[in-house]
Every structure is written in C-alpha cells, then in structure tokens.
Amino acid sequence: MHSRILHRLLVASLGIGLAALSASTVAGAGPHDGDIAALRSGIGSEEAEIGLLEQQIGLLEQGITDLRSLVAEGDQAVVNLEFGIAEAEARIATEDQELEILPVRIELLADLVIEHYLALNEPTTVRHVMAIESYVKNDERMNAVLTQSAEITGEALDNLRTQMLYEAVIDAASDDLDRVYAHLRLDGDRALSLYDLVASSEERRRLAVDDRDEGIATLPTMEGRIASSEDEIASARTGIAAVQDQIAGVRGSIATTLAEIARLESLNVAHTWTGLQGRDVHRPALAVKIDNASAARPQTGINEADVVYEEIVEAGLTRFIAVFQTTSPGTVGPVRSGRTSDPILLEGFDRPLFA
C-alpha cells in the first residue's frame, strides 16, 4: 500500500516543474470544429447572397427613381398638352366670334354699297338730261358766244346764262358721281379687306383646330405612358418586397446557423474537470494541498483552481486539495503535506501531479 501511494505521488518540485512546462502546451481541437467551420463557411456564402440581393434592391430602387422622373415628366407633359388644348380652344372661340362678326360687317357694307349705288341714279339722270338738252340746244355754239362776250346781246346773254346754268348742273352732277364712285371704290377696298379678314380668320381657326386635335390625340398616349411607368413602379416595389423577403429568409437561416454553431460550441466542453465551455489543455492536472488553519488565511491562488476538496484532518481542522488543470496560477499556498487518503480521492484525475 505504501509503495502504491509512493507510485501515485510525485514530489512538489517535479509537479511544479511539469506544470510550468505544460503551461506552454497548445489546446486541442474540439470535436465539432469541422461542423462549426462548415457552418461558418455557409454563413459567409449567405452573407454574400444578402450582399447581391441588397445590390438588386439598389438597382430596383434606382429604377423606381428613374420611373418617378419619367412620371413627373409625363405629368408635366400632360399639363402642357391640356394647357395647349385650352389655349387652342380659346383661339377657336376667338375666331368663331370673329367669323360671326365679319359676315355682319360684310352685310352692312353691302347695304352701304347699295346705298352708294342708288346714289348714282340722281346725278346720272341729271347729267344725262342736261347733256341731251345741251345737245338739243346746240351747245357747241356756246364756245363762240363765250369768246365774243363783248358783243352779246340781251337775248344772247339770257341764252348764255341758261347754258351756264346747265353746265353748272352738269358739273355738280359729275362731282356727285365722282364722290359716289370714290365711295364705291372705297367700299370695294373695304370689301376685299373684309374677305381677307375672313380668309385669315378661317386659316387661324383651322390651325387652332389642328393644334387642339393634335393635343387631344396625344393626350391618351402620354397618359398611357404615365400609367405604364406607374405599373412598372408598382412591379419594382413588389420585386423589392420579394427580395426583402428573400433577405429576411437568408437572415433567418443565418440566425438558425448561428444558433446551431452556438449549440455545437456548447458541446465542445473541453474543461474536463469544470464542465465549462472551452478547449481542453493537454496536460496533467496538478493537485496542491493547502492549509486551512486560521493562521494560513487568506490562502493564495485557491480561487483559480478547477476543483477544490476540503478534507477533515486532526483536531477538527481541515485542509484543501486544489486541483489545477485549465489554469496556471502564479502562486499557490500555503502548501501542506499529503495524506494517505489523497491518492484515492485523486484517482479520477487521470494520474495527476501532486505538490
């Protein structure tokens, strides 16, 4: 029994030396590291997919911005068309009013022409009558009478006065005729001007009608383009919603994967003696016997132990066995000697070192 105890125990100096040497050993791999690495790789692929989906959303949003610009331009074009149609209809109304007035003016001018034409009758008749009477009375002799006015007798003078009166009447009639003909010529000019105004007004009305009809014909096309752009915007928004759902799905998958990684990491319980999450350090456990008498307190390094046992010794006193495997405290103590009960207590630590 004594040899067995000696076989299971090593001196403190050897234990401390091996503990210092083992502090530089490398932690071993966990049993699920491969699965975790594969899951993390999958997360990287899913995050790359999210990046592509977000780029797709950016393109769709840019497309929506462009379409909104087209809709705004289309709305402005519709406003311009409606303004042009209203302006053309106003021009049509103006020309319609002008074309209603011009016939009245032409009719009034026609009445004036008739009045002027009728005014020709009296001076024309007078002139014709006087001319005939002068001819009947041999008007040609009057020139000779006038040139010999000094020799005119009383009877001849009466005849001359009569002749001059005839001439005055004829001249007055001629002047009246000249005035009437002047009025008629002016009436003719005014008539031509009025007909020109009618032709111009009709041409302007025709152009206004063409402008209005063209605007009316273009309006449905422009409204159709606006409606098409708005449909495309709605479709793009639906596409964005679908992509966002995809992203949400991928993020959900990432969350599930992260949860699985956390689960697998929780299974990587490597601190054999503590049961805490971590990686096993491939080195033997080091058991240190520590005094618990009142003079020994406070102890040093005991809080860093993986496992601490309290043993009852003589006189109601106790001592601690602090087991260090995952940690390497700088100082531990005060150190006391081992007891025969210690090897049996420490058998579960796979051939530990003992200080």
Protein backbone atom coordinates (compact mmCIF):
# COMPACT_ATOMS: atom_id res chain seq x y z
CA MET A 1 0.00 0.00 0.00
CA HIS A 2 2.80 2.35 0.87
CA SER A 3 4.59 1.64 -2.41
CA ARG A 4 1.33 2.25 -4.28
CA ILE A 5 0.98 5.60 -2.59
CA LEU A 6 4.52 6.49 -3.46
CA HIS A 7 3.90 5.38 -7.03
CA ARG A 8 0.86 7.67 -7.28
CA LEU A 9 2.52 10.72 -5.78
CA LEU A 10 5.34 12.85 -7.11
CA VAL A 11 7.37 15.39 -5.29
CA ALA A 12 6.24 19.00 -5.32
CA SER A 13 9.24 20.22 -7.20
CA LEU A 14 8.64 17.79 -10.04
CA GLY A 15 4.92 18.71 -10.10
CA ILE A 16 5.64 22.40 -10.20
CA GLY A 17 8.24 21.94 -12.93
CA LEU A 18 5.91 19.90 -15.11
CA ALA A 19 3.12 22.39 -14.51
CA ALA A 20 5.34 25.24 -15.66
CA LEU A 21 6.40 23.19 -18.67
CA SER A 22 2.85 22.24 -19.59
CA ALA A 23 1.70 25.87 -19.48
CA SER A 24 3.08 26.26 -22.99
CA THR A 25 1.16 23.34 -24.50
CA VAL A 26 -1.38 24.01 -27.26
CA ALA A 27 -5.09 23.47 -26.73
CA GLY A 28 -6.54 20.61 -28.70
CA ALA A 29 -9.30 20.83 -31.30
CA GLY A 30 -12.92 20.45 -30.28
CA PRO A 31 -14.95 17.51 -31.60
CA HIS A 32 -17.32 19.78 -33.58
CA ASP A 33 -14.79 22.20 -35.04
CA GLY A 34 -15.26 20.81 -38.55
CA ASP A 35 -19.02 21.20 -38.40
CA ILE A 36 -18.68 24.69 -36.98
CA ALA A 37 -16.22 25.68 -39.72
CA ALA A 38 -18.60 24.34 -42.38
CA LEU A 39 -21.49 26.27 -40.86
CA ARG A 40 -19.42 29.46 -40.71
CA SER A 41 -18.49 28.97 -44.35
CA GLY A 42 -22.19 28.64 -45.15
CA ILE A 43 -22.86 31.87 -43.27
CA GLY A 44 -20.23 33.58 -45.43
CA SER A 45 -22.00 32.38 -48.57
CA GLU A 46 -25.35 33.53 -47.24
CA GLU A 47 -23.94 36.93 -46.32
CA ALA A 48 -22.55 37.21 -49.87
CA GLU A 49 -26.01 36.31 -51.16
CA ILE A 50 -27.50 39.04 -48.98
CA GLY A 51 -24.99 41.48 -50.48
CA LEU A 52 -26.13 40.53 -54.01
CA LEU A 53 -29.78 40.82 -53.00
CA GLU A 54 -29.16 44.24 -51.50
CA GLN A 55 -27.47 45.28 -54.76
CA GLN A 56 -30.56 44.06 -56.59
CA ILE A 57 -32.72 46.17 -54.27
CA GLY A 58 -30.47 49.15 -55.00
CA LEU A 59 -30.95 48.65 -58.74
CA LEU A 60 -34.71 48.35 -58.30
CA GLU A 61 -34.81 51.50 -56.18
CA GLN A 62 -32.75 53.35 -58.80
CA GLY A 63 -35.19 52.11 -61.42
CA ILE A 64 -38.08 53.43 -59.32
CA THR A 65 -36.32 56.79 -59.07
CA ASP A 66 -35.88 56.89 -62.86
CA LEU A 67 -39.51 55.88 -63.40
CA ARG A 68 -40.68 58.57 -61.00
CA SER A 69 -38.74 61.09 -63.05
CA LEU A 70 -40.49 59.80 -66.18
CA VAL A 71 -43.86 60.06 -64.44
CA ALA A 72 -43.07 63.61 -63.35
CA GLU A 73 -42.04 64.50 -66.91
CA GLY A 74 -45.20 62.83 -68.22
CA ASP A 75 -47.37 64.73 -65.75
CA GLN A 76 -45.77 67.98 -66.86
CA ALA A 77 -46.27 67.00 -70.49
CA VAL A 78 -49.96 66.29 -69.78
CA VAL A 79 -50.27 69.68 -68.10
CA ASN A 80 -48.65 71.31 -71.13
CA LEU A 81 -50.94 69.41 -73.50
CA GLU A 82 -54.03 70.38 -71.53
CA PHE A 83 -52.86 73.98 -71.48
CA GLY A 84 -52.23 73.84 -75.23
CA ILE A 85 -55.67 72.32 -75.82
CA ALA A 86 -57.32 75.01 -73.69
CA GLU A 87 -55.33 77.72 -75.49
CA ALA A 88 -56.29 76.27 -78.90
CA GLU A 89 -59.95 76.16 -77.90
CA ALA A 90 -59.71 79.79 -76.79
CA ARG A 91 -58.25 80.67 -80.19
CA ILE A 92 -61.06 78.74 -81.89
CA ALA A 93 -63.63 80.62 -79.82
CA THR A 94 -62.00 83.94 -80.75
CA GLU A 95 -62.02 83.10 -84.45
CA ASP A 96 -65.60 81.81 -84.23
CA GLN A 97 -66.60 85.12 -82.74
CA GLU A 98 -64.67 86.98 -85.44
CA LEU A 99 -66.29 84.85 -88.15
CA GLU A 100 -69.69 85.65 -86.69
CA ILE A 101 -68.96 89.40 -86.76
CA LEU A 102 -67.34 89.57 -90.20
CA PRO A 103 -70.47 88.47 -92.14
CA VAL A 104 -72.43 91.18 -90.33
CA ARG A 105 -69.81 93.74 -91.31
CA ILE A 106 -69.92 92.46 -94.88
CA GLU A 107 -73.70 92.71 -94.90
CA LEU A 108 -73.57 96.26 -93.56
CA LEU A 109 -71.01 97.11 -96.20
CA ALA A 110 -73.26 95.58 -98.82
CA ASP A 111 -76.10 97.81 -97.63
CA LEU A 112 -73.77 100.80 -97.88
CA VAL A 113 -72.70 99.77 -101.38
CA ILE A 114 -76.33 99.54 -102.41
CA GLU A 115 -76.95 102.94 -100.89
CA HIS A 116 -73.99 104.39 -102.77
CA TYR A 117 -75.04 102.66 -105.93
CA LEU A 118 -78.51 104.07 -105.67
CA ALA A 119 -76.95 107.48 -105.11
CA LEU A 120 -75.68 107.24 -108.69
CA ASN A 121 -79.16 107.45 -110.11
CA GLU A 122 -79.93 111.10 -109.49
CA PRO A 123 -76.68 112.72 -110.68
CA THR A 124 -76.51 110.31 -113.57
CA THR A 125 -80.03 111.17 -114.62
CA VAL A 126 -79.36 114.88 -114.23
CA ARG A 127 -76.22 114.65 -116.21
CA HIS A 128 -77.85 112.65 -118.96
CA VAL A 129 -80.82 115.04 -119.14
CA MET A 130 -78.61 118.11 -119.20
CA ALA A 131 -76.34 116.61 -121.78
CA ILE A 132 -79.25 115.82 -124.01
CA GLU A 133 -80.77 119.26 -123.54
CA SER A 134 -77.46 120.94 -124.24
CA TYR A 135 -77.07 118.90 -127.36
CA VAL A 136 -80.59 119.77 -128.46
CA LYS A 137 -79.83 123.47 -127.90
CA ASN A 138 -76.61 123.25 -129.88
CA ASP A 139 -74.24 123.58 -127.01
CA GLU A 140 -71.25 123.84 -129.37
CA ARG A 141 -72.19 127.37 -130.33
CA MET A 142 -71.75 128.39 -126.75
CA ASN A 143 -68.00 128.43 -127.07
CA ALA A 144 -68.20 131.03 -129.80
CA VAL A 145 -70.67 133.04 -127.76
CA LEU A 146 -68.39 133.00 -124.79
CA THR A 147 -65.41 134.18 -126.85
CA GLN A 148 -67.45 137.07 -128.18
CA SER A 149 -68.96 138.04 -124.86
CA ALA A 150 -68.44 141.71 -125.55
CA GLU A 151 -70.89 141.56 -128.43
CA ILE A 152 -73.52 139.57 -126.62
CA THR A 153 -76.96 140.99 -126.94
CA GLY A 154 -79.57 140.82 -124.22
CA GLU A 155 -81.28 137.84 -125.76
CA ALA A 156 -77.99 136.05 -126.32
CA LEU A 157 -76.97 136.83 -122.75
CA ASP A 158 -80.09 135.17 -121.48
CA ASN A 159 -79.29 132.15 -123.57
CA LEU A 160 -75.73 132.14 -122.22
CA ARG A 161 -76.90 132.29 -118.66
CA THR A 162 -79.21 129.40 -119.29
CA GLN A 163 -76.37 127.46 -120.87
CA MET A 164 -74.04 128.22 -117.95
CA LEU A 165 -76.69 127.09 -115.55
CA TYR A 166 -76.94 123.85 -117.47
CA GLU A 167 -73.18 123.46 -117.29
CA ALA A 168 -73.20 124.11 -113.55
CA VAL A 169 -75.87 121.49 -113.02
CA ILE A 170 -73.91 119.04 -115.14
CA ASP A 171 -70.70 119.78 -113.23
CA ALA A 172 -72.48 119.36 -109.93
CA ALA A 173 -73.89 116.06 -111.11
CA SER A 174 -70.42 115.00 -112.25
CA ASP A 175 -68.96 115.91 -108.87
CA ASP A 176 -71.69 113.90 -107.17
CA LEU A 177 -70.90 110.99 -109.44
CA ASP A 178 -67.19 111.29 -108.67
CA ARG A 179 -67.91 111.26 -104.96
CA VAL A 180 -70.20 108.25 -105.25
CA TYR A 181 -67.64 106.39 -107.39
CA ALA A 182 -64.98 107.22 -104.81
CA HIS A 183 -67.24 105.78 -102.12
CA LEU A 184 -67.83 102.71 -104.24
CA ARG A 185 -64.10 102.23 -104.77
CA LEU A 186 -63.57 102.61 -101.02
CA ASP A 187 -66.40 100.16 -100.44
CA GLY A 188 -64.69 97.73 -102.79
CA ASP A 189 -61.41 98.06 -100.89
CA ARG A 190 -63.20 97.54 -97.61
CA ALA A 191 -65.00 94.51 -99.03
CA LEU A 192 -61.68 92.99 -100.16
CA SER A 193 -60.21 93.71 -96.72
CA LEU A 194 -63.18 92.07 -95.01
CA TYR A 195 -62.92 88.99 -97.22
CA ASP A 196 -59.20 88.85 -96.47
CA LEU A 197 -60.03 89.02 -92.78
CA VAL A 198 -62.50 86.16 -93.22
CA ALA A 199 -59.87 84.06 -95.01
CA SER A 200 -57.25 84.85 -92.36
CA SER A 201 -59.64 84.08 -89.53
CA GLU A 202 -60.66 80.79 -91.14
CA GLU A 203 -56.97 79.85 -91.56
CA ARG A 204 -56.22 80.72 -87.95
CA ARG A 205 -59.22 78.72 -86.82
CA ARG A 206 -58.09 75.76 -88.91
CA LEU A 207 -54.63 75.89 -87.33
CA ALA A 208 -56.16 76.15 -83.85
CA VAL A 209 -58.38 73.16 -84.56
CA ASP A 210 -55.35 71.20 -85.77
CA ASP A 211 -53.43 72.12 -82.62
CA ARG A 212 -56.34 71.16 -80.41
CA ASP A 213 -56.96 67.86 -82.21
CA GLU A 214 -53.27 67.01 -82.10
CA GLY A 215 -53.16 67.67 -78.36
CA ILE A 216 -56.30 65.63 -77.77
CA ALA A 217 -54.85 62.77 -79.85
CA THR A 218 -51.51 62.89 -77.99
CA LEU A 219 -53.04 63.08 -74.51
CA PRO A 220 -54.12 59.39 -74.26
CA THR A 221 -50.68 58.26 -75.41
CA MET A 222 -48.96 60.33 -72.74
CA GLU A 223 -51.41 59.19 -70.07
CA GLY A 224 -50.79 55.61 -71.19
CA ARG A 225 -47.06 56.08 -70.75
CA ILE A 226 -47.61 57.50 -67.27
CA ALA A 227 -49.85 54.57 -66.35
CA SER A 228 -47.25 52.15 -67.73
CA SER A 229 -44.50 53.81 -65.67
CA GLU A 230 -46.64 53.65 -62.56
CA ASP A 231 -47.30 49.96 -63.24
CA GLU A 232 -43.55 49.43 -63.55
CA ILE A 233 -43.02 51.27 -60.25
CA ALA A 234 -45.59 49.02 -58.57
CA SER A 235 -43.90 45.98 -60.09
CA ALA A 236 -40.48 47.19 -58.89
CA ARG A 237 -41.86 47.72 -55.40
CA THR A 238 -43.29 44.20 -55.47
CA GLY A 239 -39.86 42.99 -56.58
CA ILE A 240 -38.21 44.87 -53.72
CA ALA A 241 -40.65 43.33 -51.25
CA ALA A 242 -39.88 39.89 -52.67
CA VAL A 243 -36.12 40.46 -52.42
CA GLN A 244 -36.54 41.78 -48.89
CA ASP A 245 -38.42 38.59 -48.07
CA GLN A 246 -35.50 36.64 -49.53
CA ILE A 247 -33.08 38.63 -47.41
CA ALA A 248 -35.24 38.02 -44.34
CA GLY A 249 -35.23 34.32 -45.18
CA VAL A 250 -31.46 34.28 -45.56
CA ARG A 251 -31.02 36.23 -42.33
CA GLY A 252 -33.32 33.75 -40.63
CA SER A 253 -31.17 30.95 -42.00
CA ILE A 254 -28.06 32.72 -40.72
CA ALA A 255 -29.68 33.09 -37.30
CA THR A 256 -30.53 29.39 -37.33
CA THR A 257 -26.96 28.57 -38.35
CA LEU A 258 -25.56 30.79 -35.61
CA ALA A 259 -27.80 29.05 -33.11
CA GLU A 260 -26.51 25.70 -34.35
CA ILE A 261 -22.93 26.95 -34.08
CA ALA A 262 -23.63 28.07 -30.53
CA ARG A 263 -25.12 24.65 -29.79
CA LEU A 264 -22.11 22.85 -31.24
CA GLU A 265 -19.74 25.15 -29.41
CA SER A 266 -21.63 24.38 -26.22
CA LEU A 267 -20.94 20.72 -26.91
CA ASN A 268 -17.23 21.50 -27.13
CA VAL A 269 -16.93 21.17 -23.35
CA ALA A 270 -13.22 20.90 -23.07
CA HIS A 271 -12.61 21.86 -19.47
CA THR A 272 -12.86 18.31 -18.27
CA TRP A 273 -12.88 18.97 -14.54
CA THR A 274 -15.04 22.15 -14.52
CA GLY A 275 -17.64 21.34 -17.20
CA LEU A 276 -17.27 24.85 -18.54
CA GLN A 277 -17.23 25.66 -22.25
CA GLY A 278 -13.77 25.84 -23.67
CA ARG A 279 -10.91 23.75 -25.02
CA ASP A 280 -9.06 21.03 -23.20
CA VAL A 281 -5.46 21.75 -22.39
CA HIS A 282 -3.47 18.58 -22.89
CA ARG A 283 -1.51 18.46 -19.68
CA PRO A 284 -1.90 16.57 -16.41
CA ALA A 285 -3.86 18.01 -13.51
CA LEU A 286 -1.81 19.37 -10.59
CA ALA A 287 -3.16 18.81 -7.07
CA VAL A 288 -1.90 21.14 -4.34
CA LYS A 289 -2.60 20.59 -0.66
CA ILE A 290 -3.37 23.93 1.02
CA ASP A 291 -3.56 24.68 4.72
CA ASN A 292 -6.88 25.94 6.14
CA ALA A 293 -5.83 26.91 9.63
CA SER A 294 -6.67 30.43 10.75
CA ALA A 295 -3.04 31.47 10.54
CA ALA A 296 -2.93 30.32 6.92
CA ARG A 297 -5.67 32.59 5.73
CA PRO A 298 -6.12 34.12 3.31
CA GLN A 299 -4.89 31.41 1.01
CA THR A 300 -3.26 32.26 -2.31
CA GLY A 301 -4.41 31.04 -5.73
CA ILE A 302 -7.18 28.80 -4.45
CA ASN A 303 -9.83 30.72 -6.37
CA GLU A 304 -8.15 29.78 -9.65
CA ALA A 305 -8.47 26.02 -9.08
CA ASP A 306 -10.73 23.88 -11.28
CA VAL A 307 -11.76 21.71 -8.31
CA VAL A 308 -11.31 22.22 -4.54
CA TYR A 309 -11.81 19.47 -1.92
CA GLU A 310 -11.94 20.16 1.82
CA GLU A 311 -10.59 17.27 3.94
CA ILE A 312 -11.01 16.77 7.64
CA VAL A 313 -7.72 16.23 9.46
CA GLU A 314 -6.80 16.10 13.16
CA ALA A 315 -8.27 18.25 15.91
CA GLY A 316 -11.26 19.27 13.83
CA LEU A 317 -9.09 21.14 11.36
CA THR A 318 -9.44 20.88 7.58
CA ARG A 319 -7.16 21.19 4.61
CA PHE A 320 -7.90 21.87 0.94
CA ILE A 321 -6.88 19.94 -2.16
CA ALA A 322 -6.90 22.42 -5.04
CA VAL A 323 -6.75 20.81 -8.50
CA PHE A 324 -5.34 22.97 -11.35
CA GLN A 325 -5.58 21.77 -14.94
CA THR A 326 -7.02 24.55 -17.14
CA THR A 327 -5.35 27.38 -15.24
CA SER A 328 -1.79 28.17 -14.21
CA PRO A 329 -1.78 30.38 -11.11
CA GLY A 330 1.42 32.23 -10.36
CA THR A 331 1.42 31.44 -6.65
CA VAL A 332 -0.44 28.84 -4.56
CA GLY A 333 -0.24 28.33 -0.84
CA PRO A 334 0.40 27.81 1.88
CA VAL A 335 1.28 24.28 0.73
CA ARG A 336 0.94 21.36 3.18
CA SER A 337 1.82 17.67 3.05
CA GLY A 338 -0.28 14.87 1.60
CA ARG A 339 -2.24 12.24 3.45
CA THR A 340 -2.89 8.60 2.67
CA SER A 341 -6.42 9.44 1.68
CA ASP A 342 -5.32 11.79 -1.08
CA PRO A 343 -4.40 9.25 -3.80
CA ILE A 344 -7.76 7.56 -3.58
CA LEU A 345 -9.51 10.97 -3.84
CA LEU A 346 -7.45 11.96 -6.87
CA GLU A 347 -7.74 8.70 -8.86
CA GLY A 348 -10.38 10.27 -11.10
CA PHE A 349 -7.97 12.91 -12.44
CA ASP A 350 -6.01 10.51 -14.69
CA ARG A 351 -2.63 10.27 -12.97
CA PRO A 352 -2.28 13.87 -11.66
CA LEU A 353 0.80 15.55 -10.37
CA PHE A 354 0.86 16.29 -6.64
CA ALA A 355 2.52 19.20 -4.88
